[in-house]
């Protein structure tokens, strides 16, 4: 901010010096009238009109950009909220899957043990009467 202020101040000083050095009267012809005035005043008036024009153009551009920034910040906030909601759902889903995997694992080991217990005694061709006592 200070750099731009200093630049504007230096520009104004240079233009003022230029205007004072060119102080002879000139004829100014506007569409509806003609009059004479100092060239310094003409230069200062035209500089002022140009500076005000740039100020207003910049002002309206600044308002437009501020509105756009506000809209984008609102969208960012909405997207962050959506992201947080999705992260919460992902955590819940991981917990449910983890619980389901533990249940399935427990069920599988129980099923395996039951299957082993359900195997009928198989005759392996060993006659129990021939066993050593």
N, C-alpha and C. Protein backbone atom coordinates (compact mmCIF):
# COMPACT_ATOMS: atom_id res chain seq x y z
N UNK A 1 0.83 -1.19 0.00
CA UNK A 1 0.00 0.00 0.00
C UNK A 1 0.87 1.25 0.00
N UNK A 2 1.92 1.28 0.82
CA UNK A 2 2.77 2.45 0.88
C UNK A 2 3.50 2.68 -0.43
N UNK A 3 3.92 1.60 -1.10
CA UNK A 3 4.63 1.74 -2.36
C UNK A 3 3.74 2.38 -3.42
N UNK A 4 2.48 1.98 -3.48
CA UNK A 4 1.58 2.58 -4.46
C UNK A 4 1.30 4.04 -4.12
N UNK A 5 1.18 4.35 -2.84
CA UNK A 5 0.97 5.74 -2.44
C UNK A 5 2.16 6.60 -2.84
N UNK A 6 3.36 6.10 -2.61
CA UNK A 6 4.58 6.84 -2.97
C UNK A 6 4.66 7.03 -4.49
N UNK A 7 4.30 5.98 -5.26
CA UNK A 7 4.31 6.07 -6.71
C UNK A 7 3.32 7.13 -7.20
N UNK A 8 2.13 7.14 -6.62
CA UNK A 8 1.12 8.14 -7.01
C UNK A 8 1.60 9.54 -6.64
N UNK A 9 2.20 9.67 -5.47
CA UNK A 9 2.69 10.98 -5.02
C UNK A 9 3.80 11.49 -5.95
N UNK A 10 4.72 10.65 -6.33
CA UNK A 10 5.80 11.06 -7.24
C UNK A 10 5.23 11.46 -8.60
N UNK A 11 4.26 10.66 -9.09
CA UNK A 11 3.63 10.98 -10.38
C UNK A 11 2.92 12.34 -10.32
N UNK A 12 2.22 12.59 -9.23
CA UNK A 12 1.52 13.87 -9.07
C UNK A 12 2.51 15.03 -9.03
N UNK A 13 3.62 14.85 -8.35
CA UNK A 13 4.63 15.92 -8.28
C UNK A 13 5.22 16.20 -9.66
N UNK A 14 5.54 15.14 -10.41
CA UNK A 14 6.11 15.31 -11.75
C UNK A 14 5.12 16.03 -12.66
N UNK A 15 3.86 15.64 -12.61
CA UNK A 15 2.85 16.27 -13.47
C UNK A 15 2.64 17.72 -13.05
N UNK A 16 2.65 17.99 -11.75
CA UNK A 16 2.50 19.38 -11.28
C UNK A 16 3.65 20.24 -11.78
N UNK A 17 4.87 19.74 -11.69
CA UNK A 17 6.03 20.49 -12.19
C UNK A 17 5.90 20.74 -13.68
N UNK A 18 5.49 19.70 -14.43
CA UNK A 18 5.31 19.84 -15.88
C UNK A 18 4.24 20.89 -16.18
N UNK A 19 3.16 20.88 -15.42
CA UNK A 19 2.08 21.83 -15.65
C UNK A 19 2.53 23.26 -15.36
N UNK A 20 3.28 23.46 -14.30
CA UNK A 20 3.73 24.80 -13.94
C UNK A 20 4.72 25.33 -14.98
N UNK A 21 5.54 24.45 -15.53
CA UNK A 21 6.50 24.87 -16.55
C UNK A 21 5.80 25.25 -17.86
N UNK A 22 4.60 24.74 -18.05
CA UNK A 22 3.83 25.04 -19.26
C UNK A 22 2.59 25.86 -18.88
N UNK A 23 2.81 27.05 -18.36
CA UNK A 23 1.73 27.85 -17.79
C UNK A 23 1.12 28.86 -18.75
N UNK A 24 1.55 28.92 -20.01
CA UNK A 24 0.98 29.91 -20.92
C UNK A 24 -0.48 29.58 -21.23
N UNK A 25 -1.26 30.59 -21.54
CA UNK A 25 -2.68 30.38 -21.82
C UNK A 25 -2.91 29.63 -23.14
N UNK A 26 -3.90 28.76 -23.12
CA UNK A 26 -4.27 28.01 -24.32
C UNK A 26 -5.76 28.12 -24.52
N UNK A 27 -6.17 27.92 -25.78
CA UNK A 27 -7.59 27.95 -26.11
C UNK A 27 -8.12 26.52 -26.03
N UNK A 28 -9.16 26.35 -25.23
CA UNK A 28 -9.78 25.03 -25.05
C UNK A 28 -11.10 25.05 -25.80
N UNK A 29 -11.26 24.13 -26.76
CA UNK A 29 -12.45 24.09 -27.59
C UNK A 29 -13.26 22.86 -27.20
N UNK A 30 -14.34 23.10 -26.50
CA UNK A 30 -15.29 22.04 -26.21
C UNK A 30 -16.37 22.09 -27.28
N UNK A 31 -17.14 21.09 -27.42
CA UNK A 31 -18.15 21.03 -28.48
C UNK A 31 -19.13 22.20 -28.38
N UNK A 32 -19.51 22.56 -27.18
CA UNK A 32 -20.53 23.59 -27.00
C UNK A 32 -19.96 24.98 -26.70
N UNK A 33 -18.67 25.10 -26.40
CA UNK A 33 -18.07 26.43 -26.15
C UNK A 33 -16.56 26.39 -26.30
N UNK A 34 -15.99 27.59 -26.37
CA UNK A 34 -14.53 27.75 -26.45
C UNK A 34 -14.11 28.77 -25.41
N UNK A 35 -13.03 28.48 -24.69
CA UNK A 35 -12.52 29.43 -23.70
C UNK A 35 -11.01 29.25 -23.55
N UNK A 36 -10.41 30.24 -22.93
CA UNK A 36 -8.96 30.20 -22.71
C UNK A 36 -8.67 30.00 -21.24
N UNK A 37 -7.65 29.22 -21.00
CA UNK A 37 -7.19 29.01 -19.63
C UNK A 37 -5.73 28.60 -19.65
N UNK A 38 -5.12 28.60 -18.52
CA UNK A 38 -3.71 28.24 -18.40
C UNK A 38 -3.52 26.78 -18.79
N UNK A 39 -2.44 26.51 -19.49
CA UNK A 39 -2.14 25.13 -19.89
C UNK A 39 -1.91 24.26 -18.66
N UNK A 40 -1.39 24.84 -17.59
CA UNK A 40 -1.18 24.09 -16.35
C UNK A 40 -2.51 23.59 -15.79
N UNK A 41 -3.52 24.44 -15.83
CA UNK A 41 -4.84 24.04 -15.33
C UNK A 41 -5.43 22.95 -16.21
N UNK A 42 -5.27 23.09 -17.53
CA UNK A 42 -5.78 22.07 -18.46
C UNK A 42 -5.11 20.72 -18.17
N UNK A 43 -3.80 20.75 -17.98
CA UNK A 43 -3.06 19.50 -17.70
C UNK A 43 -3.53 18.88 -16.38
N UNK A 44 -3.66 19.73 -15.35
CA UNK A 44 -4.10 19.21 -14.04
C UNK A 44 -5.53 18.66 -14.10
N UNK A 45 -6.40 19.34 -14.82
CA UNK A 45 -7.79 18.87 -14.95
C UNK A 45 -7.84 17.53 -15.68
N UNK A 46 -7.12 17.44 -16.79
CA UNK A 46 -7.13 16.17 -17.54
C UNK A 46 -6.50 15.03 -16.72
N UNK A 47 -5.43 15.34 -16.00
CA UNK A 47 -4.82 14.33 -15.13
C UNK A 47 -5.82 13.89 -14.06
N UNK A 48 -6.51 14.85 -13.46
CA UNK A 48 -7.48 14.52 -12.40
C UNK A 48 -8.62 13.67 -12.95
N UNK A 49 -9.11 14.03 -14.13
CA UNK A 49 -10.19 13.23 -14.74
C UNK A 49 -9.71 11.80 -15.02
N UNK A 50 -8.50 11.67 -15.52
CA UNK A 50 -7.95 10.34 -15.77
C UNK A 50 -7.77 9.54 -14.49
N UNK A 51 -7.27 10.21 -13.44
CA UNK A 51 -7.07 9.53 -12.15
C UNK A 51 -8.41 9.08 -11.56
N UNK A 52 -9.42 9.96 -11.62
CA UNK A 52 -10.74 9.58 -11.10
C UNK A 52 -11.36 8.44 -11.92
N UNK A 53 -11.17 8.49 -13.23
CA UNK A 53 -11.68 7.40 -14.07
C UNK A 53 -11.05 6.06 -13.68
N UNK A 54 -9.74 6.07 -13.49
CA UNK A 54 -9.05 4.84 -13.10
C UNK A 54 -9.50 4.37 -11.71
N UNK A 55 -9.71 5.34 -10.80
CA UNK A 55 -10.18 4.99 -9.46
C UNK A 55 -11.53 4.29 -9.53
N UNK A 56 -12.47 4.86 -10.28
CA UNK A 56 -13.80 4.26 -10.35
C UNK A 56 -13.79 2.91 -11.07
N UNK A 57 -12.99 2.80 -12.14
CA UNK A 57 -12.88 1.50 -12.82
C UNK A 57 -12.30 0.45 -11.87
N UNK A 58 -11.27 0.84 -11.13
CA UNK A 58 -10.66 -0.08 -10.17
C UNK A 58 -11.63 -0.41 -9.04
N UNK A 59 -12.39 0.58 -8.60
CA UNK A 59 -13.36 0.37 -7.52
C UNK A 59 -14.41 -0.66 -7.91
N UNK A 60 -14.98 -0.52 -9.10
CA UNK A 60 -16.01 -1.45 -9.54
C UNK A 60 -15.43 -2.85 -9.78
N UNK A 61 -14.21 -2.91 -10.32
CA UNK A 61 -13.54 -4.20 -10.50
C UNK A 61 -13.29 -4.85 -9.14
N UNK A 62 -12.90 -4.04 -8.17
CA UNK A 62 -12.65 -4.54 -6.82
C UNK A 62 -13.93 -5.10 -6.20
N UNK A 63 -15.04 -4.40 -6.38
CA UNK A 63 -16.33 -4.90 -5.87
C UNK A 63 -16.69 -6.24 -6.52
N UNK A 64 -16.49 -6.32 -7.82
CA UNK A 64 -16.79 -7.55 -8.55
C UNK A 64 -15.93 -8.70 -8.02
N UNK A 65 -14.65 -8.43 -7.80
CA UNK A 65 -13.74 -9.47 -7.30
C UNK A 65 -14.09 -9.88 -5.87
N UNK A 66 -14.47 -8.92 -5.05
CA UNK A 66 -14.87 -9.24 -3.67
C UNK A 66 -16.10 -10.13 -3.66
N UNK A 67 -17.06 -9.85 -4.55
CA UNK A 67 -18.26 -10.67 -4.65
C UNK A 67 -17.88 -12.09 -5.07
N UNK A 68 -16.98 -12.19 -6.05
CA UNK A 68 -16.53 -13.50 -6.52
C UNK A 68 -15.80 -14.26 -5.41
N UNK A 69 -14.96 -13.56 -4.65
CA UNK A 69 -14.24 -14.20 -3.54
C UNK A 69 -15.22 -14.72 -2.50
N UNK A 70 -16.25 -13.93 -2.20
CA UNK A 70 -17.25 -14.34 -1.23
C UNK A 70 -17.97 -15.61 -1.70
N UNK A 71 -18.34 -15.64 -2.97
CA UNK A 71 -19.01 -16.83 -3.52
C UNK A 71 -18.10 -18.04 -3.45
N UNK A 72 -16.82 -17.86 -3.81
CA UNK A 72 -15.87 -18.98 -3.78
C UNK A 72 -15.62 -19.46 -2.35
N UNK A 73 -15.55 -18.53 -1.39
CA UNK A 73 -15.37 -18.93 0.01
C UNK A 73 -16.57 -19.71 0.50
N UNK A 74 -17.77 -19.31 0.08
CA UNK A 74 -18.98 -20.05 0.45
C UNK A 74 -18.93 -21.45 -0.12
N UNK A 75 -18.51 -21.57 -1.37
CA UNK A 75 -18.40 -22.88 -2.01
C UNK A 75 -17.35 -23.74 -1.32
N UNK A 76 -16.22 -23.14 -0.95
CA UNK A 76 -15.17 -23.88 -0.24
C UNK A 76 -15.71 -24.40 1.09
N UNK A 77 -16.45 -23.57 1.81
CA UNK A 77 -17.02 -23.99 3.08
C UNK A 77 -17.98 -25.17 2.88
N UNK A 78 -18.82 -25.09 1.85
CA UNK A 78 -19.75 -26.19 1.56
C UNK A 78 -18.99 -27.47 1.22
N UNK A 79 -17.95 -27.34 0.40
CA UNK A 79 -17.17 -28.52 0.00
C UNK A 79 -16.41 -29.12 1.18
N UNK A 80 -15.89 -28.26 2.08
CA UNK A 80 -15.22 -28.77 3.27
C UNK A 80 -16.20 -29.52 4.15
N UNK A 81 -17.42 -29.01 4.28
CA UNK A 81 -18.45 -29.68 5.08
C UNK A 81 -18.78 -31.03 4.45
N UNK A 82 -18.96 -31.05 3.14
CA UNK A 82 -19.24 -32.30 2.44
C UNK A 82 -18.09 -33.29 2.61
N UNK A 83 -16.86 -32.80 2.54
CA UNK A 83 -15.68 -33.65 2.71
C UNK A 83 -15.66 -34.24 4.12
N UNK A 84 -15.95 -33.42 5.13
CA UNK A 84 -16.00 -33.93 6.50
C UNK A 84 -17.08 -34.98 6.67
N UNK A 85 -18.25 -34.74 6.07
CA UNK A 85 -19.34 -35.72 6.14
C UNK A 85 -18.94 -37.04 5.49
N UNK A 86 -18.29 -36.96 4.34
CA UNK A 86 -17.84 -38.17 3.66
C UNK A 86 -16.77 -38.90 4.46
N UNK A 87 -15.87 -38.15 5.09
CA UNK A 87 -14.85 -38.78 5.95
C UNK A 87 -15.50 -39.49 7.12
N UNK A 88 -16.53 -38.88 7.72
CA UNK A 88 -17.24 -39.52 8.83
C UNK A 88 -17.92 -40.80 8.36
N UNK A 89 -18.55 -40.76 7.19
CA UNK A 89 -19.20 -41.95 6.65
C UNK A 89 -18.19 -43.04 6.36
N UNK A 90 -17.01 -42.65 5.87
CA UNK A 90 -15.96 -43.63 5.58
C UNK A 90 -15.48 -44.29 6.86
N UNK A 91 -15.32 -43.52 7.94
CA UNK A 91 -14.90 -44.09 9.22
C UNK A 91 -15.94 -45.07 9.74
N UNK A 92 -17.21 -44.68 9.66
CA UNK A 92 -18.29 -45.57 10.12
C UNK A 92 -18.29 -46.84 9.28
N UNK A 93 -18.12 -46.69 7.98
CA UNK A 93 -18.11 -47.85 7.08
C UNK A 93 -16.94 -48.77 7.42
N UNK A 94 -15.76 -48.19 7.71
CA UNK A 94 -14.60 -49.00 8.08
C UNK A 94 -14.87 -49.75 9.37
N UNK A 95 -15.51 -49.09 10.33
CA UNK A 95 -15.82 -49.74 11.60
C UNK A 95 -16.80 -50.88 11.40
N UNK A 96 -17.81 -50.66 10.57
CA UNK A 96 -18.79 -51.72 10.29
C UNK A 96 -18.11 -52.89 9.59
N UNK A 97 -17.27 -52.60 8.60
CA UNK A 97 -16.57 -53.66 7.90
C UNK A 97 -15.65 -54.43 8.83
N UNK A 98 -14.97 -53.71 9.72
CA UNK A 98 -14.08 -54.36 10.68
C UNK A 98 -14.87 -55.27 11.60
N UNK A 99 -16.02 -54.79 12.07
CA UNK A 99 -16.87 -55.60 12.94
C UNK A 99 -17.40 -56.82 12.19
N UNK A 100 -17.80 -56.62 10.93
CA UNK A 100 -18.30 -57.74 10.12
C UNK A 100 -17.19 -58.76 9.88
N UNK A 101 -15.97 -58.30 9.62
CA UNK A 101 -14.85 -59.22 9.39
C UNK A 101 -14.55 -60.03 10.64
N UNK A 102 -14.64 -59.41 11.81
CA UNK A 102 -14.42 -60.14 13.04
C UNK A 102 -15.51 -61.17 13.26
N UNK A 103 -16.75 -60.81 12.97
CA UNK A 103 -17.87 -61.74 13.12
C UNK A 103 -17.73 -62.90 12.15
N UNK A 104 -17.37 -62.61 10.91
CA UNK A 104 -17.20 -63.65 9.90
C UNK A 104 -16.06 -64.55 10.31
N UNK A 105 -14.97 -64.01 10.81
CA UNK A 105 -13.82 -64.79 11.24
C UNK A 105 -14.19 -65.71 12.38
N UNK A 106 -14.92 -65.21 13.36
CA UNK A 106 -15.37 -66.02 14.49
C UNK A 106 -16.31 -67.11 14.01
N UNK A 107 -17.22 -66.76 13.11
CA UNK A 107 -18.17 -67.73 12.57
C UNK A 107 -17.44 -68.80 11.79
N UNK A 108 -16.44 -68.43 11.02
CA UNK A 108 -15.69 -69.41 10.23
C UNK A 108 -14.94 -70.37 11.12
N UNK A 109 -14.32 -69.87 12.20
CA UNK A 109 -13.57 -70.78 13.08
C UNK A 109 -14.53 -71.69 13.81
N UNK A 110 -15.70 -71.22 14.20
CA UNK A 110 -16.69 -72.06 14.84
C UNK A 110 -17.18 -73.12 13.86
N UNK A 111 -17.41 -72.69 12.63
CA UNK A 111 -17.87 -73.62 11.61
C UNK A 111 -16.80 -74.67 11.35
N UNK A 112 -15.56 -74.28 11.32
CA UNK A 112 -14.48 -75.23 11.09
C UNK A 112 -14.41 -76.24 12.23
N UNK A 113 -14.52 -75.78 13.45
CA UNK A 113 -14.48 -76.70 14.60
C UNK A 113 -15.67 -77.65 14.56
N UNK A 114 -16.84 -77.16 14.22
CA UNK A 114 -18.02 -78.02 14.13
C UNK A 114 -17.84 -79.06 13.04
N UNK A 115 -17.23 -78.66 11.92
CA UNK A 115 -17.03 -79.59 10.82
C UNK A 115 -16.07 -80.70 11.25
N UNK A 116 -15.06 -80.34 12.00
CA UNK A 116 -14.11 -81.35 12.47
C UNK A 116 -14.79 -82.29 13.44
N UNK A 117 -15.62 -81.76 14.30
CA UNK A 117 -16.32 -82.59 15.28
C UNK A 117 -17.37 -83.48 14.62
N UNK A 118 -17.89 -83.06 13.48
CA UNK A 118 -18.93 -83.82 12.81
C UNK A 118 -18.38 -84.94 11.95
N UNK A 119 -17.08 -85.03 11.79
CA UNK A 119 -16.52 -86.09 10.95
C UNK A 119 -16.75 -87.42 11.67
N UNK A 120 -17.44 -88.34 11.03
CA UNK A 120 -17.71 -89.63 11.70
C UNK A 120 -16.40 -90.41 11.85
N UNK A 121 -16.40 -91.26 12.85
CA UNK A 121 -15.22 -92.11 13.04
C UNK A 121 -15.08 -92.96 11.81
N UNK A 122 -13.97 -92.85 11.23
CA UNK A 122 -13.75 -93.55 9.98
C UNK A 122 -13.02 -94.86 10.26
N UNK A 123 -13.42 -95.86 9.51
CA UNK A 123 -12.74 -97.15 9.63
C UNK A 123 -11.51 -97.08 8.75
N UNK A 124 -10.36 -97.08 9.36
CA UNK A 124 -9.13 -96.97 8.62
C UNK A 124 -8.54 -98.34 8.34
N UNK A 125 -9.32 -99.36 8.52
CA UNK A 125 -8.83 -100.71 8.24
C UNK A 125 -8.08 -101.31 9.40
N UNK A 126 -8.20 -100.67 10.53
CA UNK A 126 -7.52 -101.20 11.72
C UNK A 126 -8.56 -101.92 12.55
N UNK A 127 -8.26 -103.11 12.79
CA UNK A 127 -9.18 -103.93 13.58
C UNK A 127 -8.83 -103.72 15.04
N UNK A 128 -9.78 -103.32 15.82
CA UNK A 128 -9.51 -103.01 17.23
C UNK A 128 -9.17 -104.26 18.03
N UNK A 129 -9.51 -105.44 17.55
CA UNK A 129 -9.21 -106.65 18.28
C UNK A 129 -7.74 -107.01 18.19
N UNK A 130 -7.03 -106.50 17.27
CA UNK A 130 -5.62 -106.82 17.07
C UNK A 130 -4.72 -105.84 17.80
N UNK A 131 -5.28 -104.90 18.44
CA UNK A 131 -4.46 -103.92 19.13
C UNK A 131 -3.84 -104.53 20.37
N UNK A 132 -2.65 -104.08 20.69
CA UNK A 132 -1.97 -104.55 21.88
C UNK A 132 -2.64 -103.98 23.10
N UNK A 133 -2.77 -104.89 24.06
CA UNK A 133 -3.40 -104.44 25.28
C UNK A 133 -2.42 -104.28 26.35
